[in-house]
Protein backbone atom coordinates (compact mmCIF):
# COMPACT_ATOMS: atom_id res chain seq x y z
CA UNK A 1 6.28 -43.46 -29.20
CA UNK A 2 7.90 -40.60 -27.28
CA UNK A 3 5.83 -37.72 -25.99
CA UNK A 4 6.94 -34.27 -26.94
CA UNK A 5 7.58 -32.31 -23.71
CA UNK A 6 7.32 -28.99 -25.51
CA UNK A 7 3.63 -29.28 -26.27
CA UNK A 8 2.24 -26.09 -27.79
CA UNK A 9 0.34 -23.97 -25.28
CA UNK A 10 -3.22 -22.98 -25.96
CA UNK A 11 -4.11 -19.31 -26.29
CA UNK A 12 -5.89 -19.53 -22.93
CA UNK A 13 -2.74 -20.89 -21.25
CA UNK A 14 -0.61 -18.20 -22.86
CA UNK A 15 -3.03 -15.50 -21.67
CA UNK A 16 -3.03 -16.90 -18.12
CA UNK A 17 0.78 -16.95 -18.11
CA UNK A 18 0.95 -13.39 -19.43
CA UNK A 19 -1.50 -12.16 -16.78
CA UNK A 20 0.57 -13.84 -14.06
CA UNK A 21 3.72 -12.14 -15.35
CA UNK A 22 2.01 -8.74 -15.47
CA UNK A 23 0.38 -9.11 -12.04
CA UNK A 24 2.66 -11.16 -9.81
CA UNK A 25 1.10 -10.07 -6.55
CA UNK A 26 -2.18 -11.47 -5.31
CA UNK A 27 -4.96 -8.90 -5.26
CA UNK A 28 -8.23 -8.73 -3.40
CA UNK A 29 -10.97 -6.56 -4.82
CA UNK A 30 -13.56 -4.71 -2.78
CA UNK A 31 -16.70 -2.94 -3.94
CA UNK A 32 -17.29 0.45 -2.37
CA UNK A 33 -20.01 2.94 -3.26
CA UNK A 34 -20.97 3.60 -6.87
CA UNK A 35 -19.60 0.16 -7.86
CA UNK A 36 -15.99 1.38 -7.73
CA UNK A 37 -13.65 -1.57 -7.33
CA UNK A 38 -10.93 -0.90 -4.80
CA UNK A 39 -7.73 -2.92 -4.48
CA UNK A 40 -6.04 -3.82 -1.26
CA UNK A 41 -2.28 -3.48 -1.54
CA UNK A 42 -0.10 -4.89 1.20
CA UNK A 43 3.57 -4.85 2.04
CA UNK A 44 5.63 -6.64 4.62
CA UNK A 45 7.52 -5.22 7.56
CA UNK A 46 9.84 -7.05 9.90
CA UNK A 47 8.53 -5.46 13.09
CA UNK A 48 6.31 -2.79 14.58
CA UNK A 49 9.42 -0.62 14.80
CA UNK A 50 9.85 -0.75 11.04
CA UNK A 51 6.19 0.13 10.50
CA UNK A 52 6.53 3.05 12.91
CA UNK A 53 9.64 4.21 11.02
CA UNK A 54 7.83 4.11 7.66
CA UNK A 55 4.89 6.09 9.01
CA UNK A 56 7.27 8.57 10.64
CA UNK A 57 9.13 9.07 7.34
CA UNK A 58 5.89 9.73 5.47
CA UNK A 59 4.86 12.31 8.07
CA UNK A 60 8.29 13.98 7.96
CA UNK A 61 8.11 14.31 4.18
CA UNK A 62 4.77 16.09 4.58
CA UNK A 63 6.16 18.39 7.27
CA UNK A 64 9.15 19.29 5.10
CA UNK A 65 6.89 19.95 2.11
CA UNK A 66 4.59 22.18 4.17
CA UNK A 67 7.49 24.12 5.68
CA UNK A 68 9.22 24.70 2.36
CA UNK A 69 8.35 28.25 1.31
CA UNK A 70 9.37 27.64 -2.30
CA UNK A 71 7.11 24.63 -2.67
CA UNK A 72 8.25 21.39 -4.19
CA UNK A 73 7.55 22.06 -7.84
CA UNK A 74 9.16 19.97 -10.51
CA UNK A 75 8.89 20.40 -14.28
CA UNK A 76 8.00 16.71 -14.50
CA UNK A 77 5.21 17.12 -11.93
CA UNK A 78 3.74 20.42 -13.07
CA UNK A 79 0.20 19.03 -13.12
CA UNK A 80 0.33 17.82 -9.49
CA UNK A 81 -1.32 19.88 -6.80
CA UNK A 82 0.96 20.28 -3.79
CA UNK A 83 -1.99 20.19 -1.39
CA UNK A 84 -3.43 17.07 -2.99
CA UNK A 85 -0.03 15.38 -2.96
CA UNK A 86 0.45 16.08 0.74
CA UNK A 87 -3.12 15.03 1.53
CA UNK A 88 -2.56 11.74 -0.33
CA UNK A 89 0.60 10.98 1.66
CA UNK A 90 -1.14 11.87 4.93
CA UNK A 91 -4.04 9.59 4.00
CA UNK A 92 -1.56 6.78 3.29
CA UNK A 93 0.18 7.31 6.63
CA UNK A 94 -3.20 7.24 8.38
CA UNK A 95 -4.20 3.99 6.68
CA UNK A 96 -0.91 2.39 7.76
CA UNK A 97 -1.61 3.02 11.43
CA UNK A 98 -2.07 -0.35 13.17
CA UNK A 99 -5.29 0.70 14.94
CA UNK A 100 -6.58 -2.77 15.84
CA UNK A 101 -3.16 -3.82 17.08
CA UNK A 102 -2.88 -0.73 19.26
CA UNK A 103 -6.39 -1.35 20.62
CA UNK A 104 -5.39 -4.89 21.53
CA UNK A 105 -2.35 -3.53 23.40
CA UNK A 106 -4.67 -1.31 25.46
CA UNK A 107 -6.90 -4.27 26.24
CA UNK A 108 -3.88 -6.41 27.14
CA UNK A 109 -2.58 -3.68 29.43
CA UNK A 110 -5.95 -3.58 31.26
CA UNK A 111 -5.90 -7.35 31.71
CA UNK A 112 -2.31 -7.48 32.95
CA UNK A 113 -2.43 -4.36 35.14
CA UNK A 114 -6.00 -4.79 36.32
CA UNK A 115 -6.97 -1.32 35.11
């Protein structure tokens, strides 16, 4: 008796497969105040230089937006506050800063230079 390789999937298996297709990245959830679940989203960079470039670009976009006297209004984004948009990008740039890595460089410099 041959086994049928195309065995029907259970509803639970179908649901698990659908969830995997909808959410391909792995997510970690954190609880912060008032039981709000926060997600950690990560991305990969090839070097510290690339990370510095990304942060620099985010900051430059904010500078250009702040210097633009006409604002950066768009009919598609009419409900967006310019100040909130800029603040959100600045917050993102701040969270990308490799603080612990920079601290370790300071500590390494003290060890190597005897400072």
